[in-house]
């Protein structure tokens, strides 16, 4: 095993759907970034719903709705402004599939334990569960506001070690 002396930026991908759980995931990722590296990618995925109805659907701009949810989550998570190194974007597609794809280029994925799904009694939401099962990198599931003490050590994957 050899180590590379040049620092490699590490990336934490955060799934954001605008729920309180995803806001907590953003805050948790931000608390890890001084320990983990340089970049947080906040990603909000959207897709057109599949609806069978005899009625003409209302014209909704799902991309715009996703962007608004992402923007609001960032304001809630970081009322004093986003941390340095935070990038955000919306992507069309299945939230789980998008986050699994993003995991291929990340050191870690952080997701909230529950999103906006209809089964509030579940311990883990369907997107969080799918990402945890199929991610290409470690997944941290946030169950609430970050509880890390200042300077508390956290073990995170290293991108500067090669086999």
Protein backbone atom coordinates (compact mmCIF):
# COMPACT_ATOMS: atom_id res chain seq x y z
CA UNK A 1 0.00 0.00 0.00
CA UNK A 2 1.33 3.40 -0.93
CA UNK A 3 0.18 6.83 0.04
CA UNK A 4 0.08 9.81 -2.23
CA UNK A 5 1.33 13.05 -0.68
CA UNK A 6 -0.83 15.27 -2.91
CA UNK A 7 -4.14 16.04 -1.21
CA UNK A 8 -7.21 14.68 -2.98
CA UNK A 9 -10.45 16.52 -2.49
CA UNK A 10 -13.14 14.28 -1.12
CA UNK A 11 -16.77 14.63 -2.03
CA UNK A 12 -19.83 14.05 0.12
CA UNK A 13 -23.04 13.68 -1.88
CA UNK A 14 -26.24 14.63 -0.03
CA UNK A 15 -29.70 13.63 -1.22
CA UNK A 16 -32.13 16.53 -0.75
CA UNK A 17 -35.91 16.36 -1.17
CA UNK A 18 -36.86 19.31 1.03
CA UNK A 19 -37.91 17.17 4.00
CA UNK A 20 -36.72 17.87 7.54
CA UNK A 21 -34.69 14.68 7.29
CA UNK A 22 -32.80 15.94 4.24
CA UNK A 23 -32.14 19.29 5.94
CA UNK A 24 -30.57 17.35 8.83
CA UNK A 25 -28.53 15.35 6.30
CA UNK A 26 -27.18 18.61 4.83
CA UNK A 27 -26.20 19.84 8.29
CA UNK A 28 -24.53 16.54 9.12
CA UNK A 29 -22.55 16.59 5.86
CA UNK A 30 -21.44 20.16 6.56
CA UNK A 31 -20.23 19.13 10.02
CA UNK A 32 -18.11 16.40 8.39
CA UNK A 33 -16.58 18.45 5.60
CA UNK A 34 -13.73 19.94 7.70
CA UNK A 35 -12.81 16.36 8.55
CA UNK A 36 -13.61 14.76 5.21
CA UNK A 37 -12.43 17.12 2.53
CA UNK A 38 -13.48 19.88 0.29
CA UNK A 39 -16.83 19.43 -1.41
CA UNK A 40 -20.49 18.78 -0.64
CA UNK A 41 -22.73 18.00 -3.62
CA UNK A 42 -26.37 18.60 -2.65
CA UNK A 43 -28.49 16.75 -5.21
CA UNK A 44 -32.24 16.94 -5.68
CA UNK A 45 -33.74 14.48 -8.18
CA UNK A 46 -37.11 14.89 -9.84
CA UNK A 47 -39.21 12.89 -12.22
CA UNK A 48 -42.57 13.17 -13.91
CA UNK A 49 -45.15 11.13 -12.00
CA UNK A 50 -46.87 8.26 -13.75
CA UNK A 51 -50.59 9.00 -13.50
CA UNK A 52 -53.48 7.24 -15.18
CA UNK A 53 -56.43 9.61 -15.17
CA UNK A 54 -59.17 10.65 -17.56
CA UNK A 55 -58.51 14.25 -16.56
CA UNK A 56 -55.91 16.49 -18.12
CA UNK A 57 -53.05 16.92 -15.63
CA UNK A 58 -52.25 20.34 -14.30
CA UNK A 59 -49.15 21.92 -15.78
CA UNK A 60 -46.53 21.53 -13.09
CA UNK A 61 -42.88 22.29 -13.59
CA UNK A 62 -41.27 19.47 -11.62
CA UNK A 63 -37.75 20.74 -12.21
CA UNK A 64 -38.70 24.15 -10.82
CA UNK A 65 -40.44 22.55 -7.83
CA UNK A 66 -37.35 20.45 -7.15
CA UNK A 67 -35.09 23.51 -7.38
CA UNK A 68 -37.33 25.44 -4.96
CA UNK A 69 -37.29 22.54 -2.49
CA UNK A 70 -33.49 22.36 -2.76
CA UNK A 71 -33.08 26.12 -2.30
CA UNK A 72 -35.42 26.12 0.72
CA UNK A 73 -33.60 23.17 2.30
CA UNK A 74 -30.27 25.00 1.90
CA UNK A 75 -31.72 28.11 3.58
CA UNK A 76 -33.12 26.01 6.44
CA UNK A 77 -29.89 24.06 6.87
CA UNK A 78 -27.59 27.08 6.61
CA UNK A 79 -29.41 30.28 7.67
CA UNK A 80 -26.10 32.19 7.72
CA UNK A 81 -25.23 31.07 4.19
CA UNK A 82 -23.96 27.81 2.74
CA UNK A 83 -20.53 26.50 3.72
CA UNK A 84 -17.60 26.88 1.36
CA UNK A 85 -17.36 24.02 -1.07
CA UNK A 86 -21.10 23.39 -1.32
CA UNK A 87 -22.46 22.80 -4.80
CA UNK A 88 -26.12 22.08 -5.55
CA UNK A 89 -28.09 20.90 -8.54
CA UNK A 90 -31.31 19.25 -9.60
CA UNK A 91 -31.30 16.19 -11.83
CA UNK A 92 -34.14 14.47 -13.68
CA UNK A 93 -34.48 10.83 -12.73
CA UNK A 94 -35.24 8.41 -9.96
CA UNK A 95 -33.81 9.80 -6.68
CA UNK A 96 -32.34 6.43 -5.70
CA UNK A 97 -30.81 5.82 -9.14
CA UNK A 98 -29.33 9.34 -9.27
CA UNK A 99 -27.74 9.03 -5.80
CA UNK A 100 -26.39 5.55 -6.58
CA UNK A 101 -24.80 6.92 -9.77
CA UNK A 102 -23.39 9.92 -7.84
CA UNK A 103 -21.90 7.50 -5.28
CA UNK A 104 -19.46 6.24 -7.93
CA UNK A 105 -17.59 9.55 -7.71
CA UNK A 106 -17.98 10.26 -3.99
CA UNK A 107 -16.26 9.44 -0.73
CA UNK A 108 -19.60 9.22 1.06
CA UNK A 109 -23.32 9.67 0.50
CA UNK A 110 -25.46 11.21 3.25
CA UNK A 111 -29.22 10.74 3.16
CA UNK A 112 -32.04 11.42 5.56
CA UNK A 113 -33.76 8.44 7.09
CA UNK A 114 -37.19 9.48 5.83
CA UNK A 115 -38.35 11.64 2.94
CA UNK A 116 -41.78 12.69 1.79
CA UNK A 117 -43.02 9.12 1.25
CA UNK A 118 -46.41 8.04 2.52
CA UNK A 119 -45.33 5.38 5.01
CA UNK A 120 -44.38 7.45 8.05
CA UNK A 121 -44.05 4.39 10.30
CA UNK A 122 -41.10 2.98 8.39
CA UNK A 123 -37.70 3.22 10.03
CA UNK A 124 -35.93 3.83 6.72
CA UNK A 125 -37.38 5.32 3.55
CA UNK A 126 -37.28 3.56 0.19
CA UNK A 127 -34.70 5.91 -1.34
CA UNK A 128 -32.41 5.74 1.71
CA UNK A 129 -32.72 1.97 1.79
CA UNK A 130 -31.96 1.57 -1.93
CA UNK A 131 -28.94 3.87 -1.71
CA UNK A 132 -27.60 2.08 1.37
CA UNK A 133 -27.95 -1.28 -0.40
CA UNK A 134 -26.39 -0.34 -3.76
CA UNK A 135 -24.06 2.61 -3.21
CA UNK A 136 -20.51 2.42 -4.52
CA UNK A 137 -19.25 4.21 -1.39
CA UNK A 138 -20.16 4.35 2.31
CA UNK A 139 -23.61 5.72 3.14
CA UNK A 140 -24.42 7.68 6.28
CA UNK A 141 -28.12 7.80 7.17
CA UNK A 142 -29.05 10.85 9.22
CA UNK A 143 -31.76 10.38 11.83
CA UNK A 144 -31.82 13.99 12.97
CA UNK A 145 -29.73 17.04 13.70
CA UNK A 146 -25.96 16.49 13.87
CA UNK A 147 -24.65 15.70 17.35
CA UNK A 148 -20.89 15.85 16.73
CA UNK A 149 -18.89 17.69 19.36
CA UNK A 150 -16.25 20.17 18.23
CA UNK A 151 -13.08 18.28 17.32
CA UNK A 152 -14.64 14.85 17.83
CA UNK A 153 -12.82 12.31 15.63
CA UNK A 154 -14.80 10.64 12.86
CA UNK A 155 -13.52 7.79 10.70
CA UNK A 156 -14.16 8.55 7.04
CA UNK A 157 -12.99 6.89 3.83
CA UNK A 158 -9.69 8.17 2.55
CA UNK A 159 -9.13 8.95 -1.11
CA UNK A 160 -5.37 9.41 -0.80
CA UNK A 161 -4.44 5.77 -0.21
CA UNK A 162 -3.86 3.44 -3.13
CA UNK A 163 -3.31 -0.29 -3.12
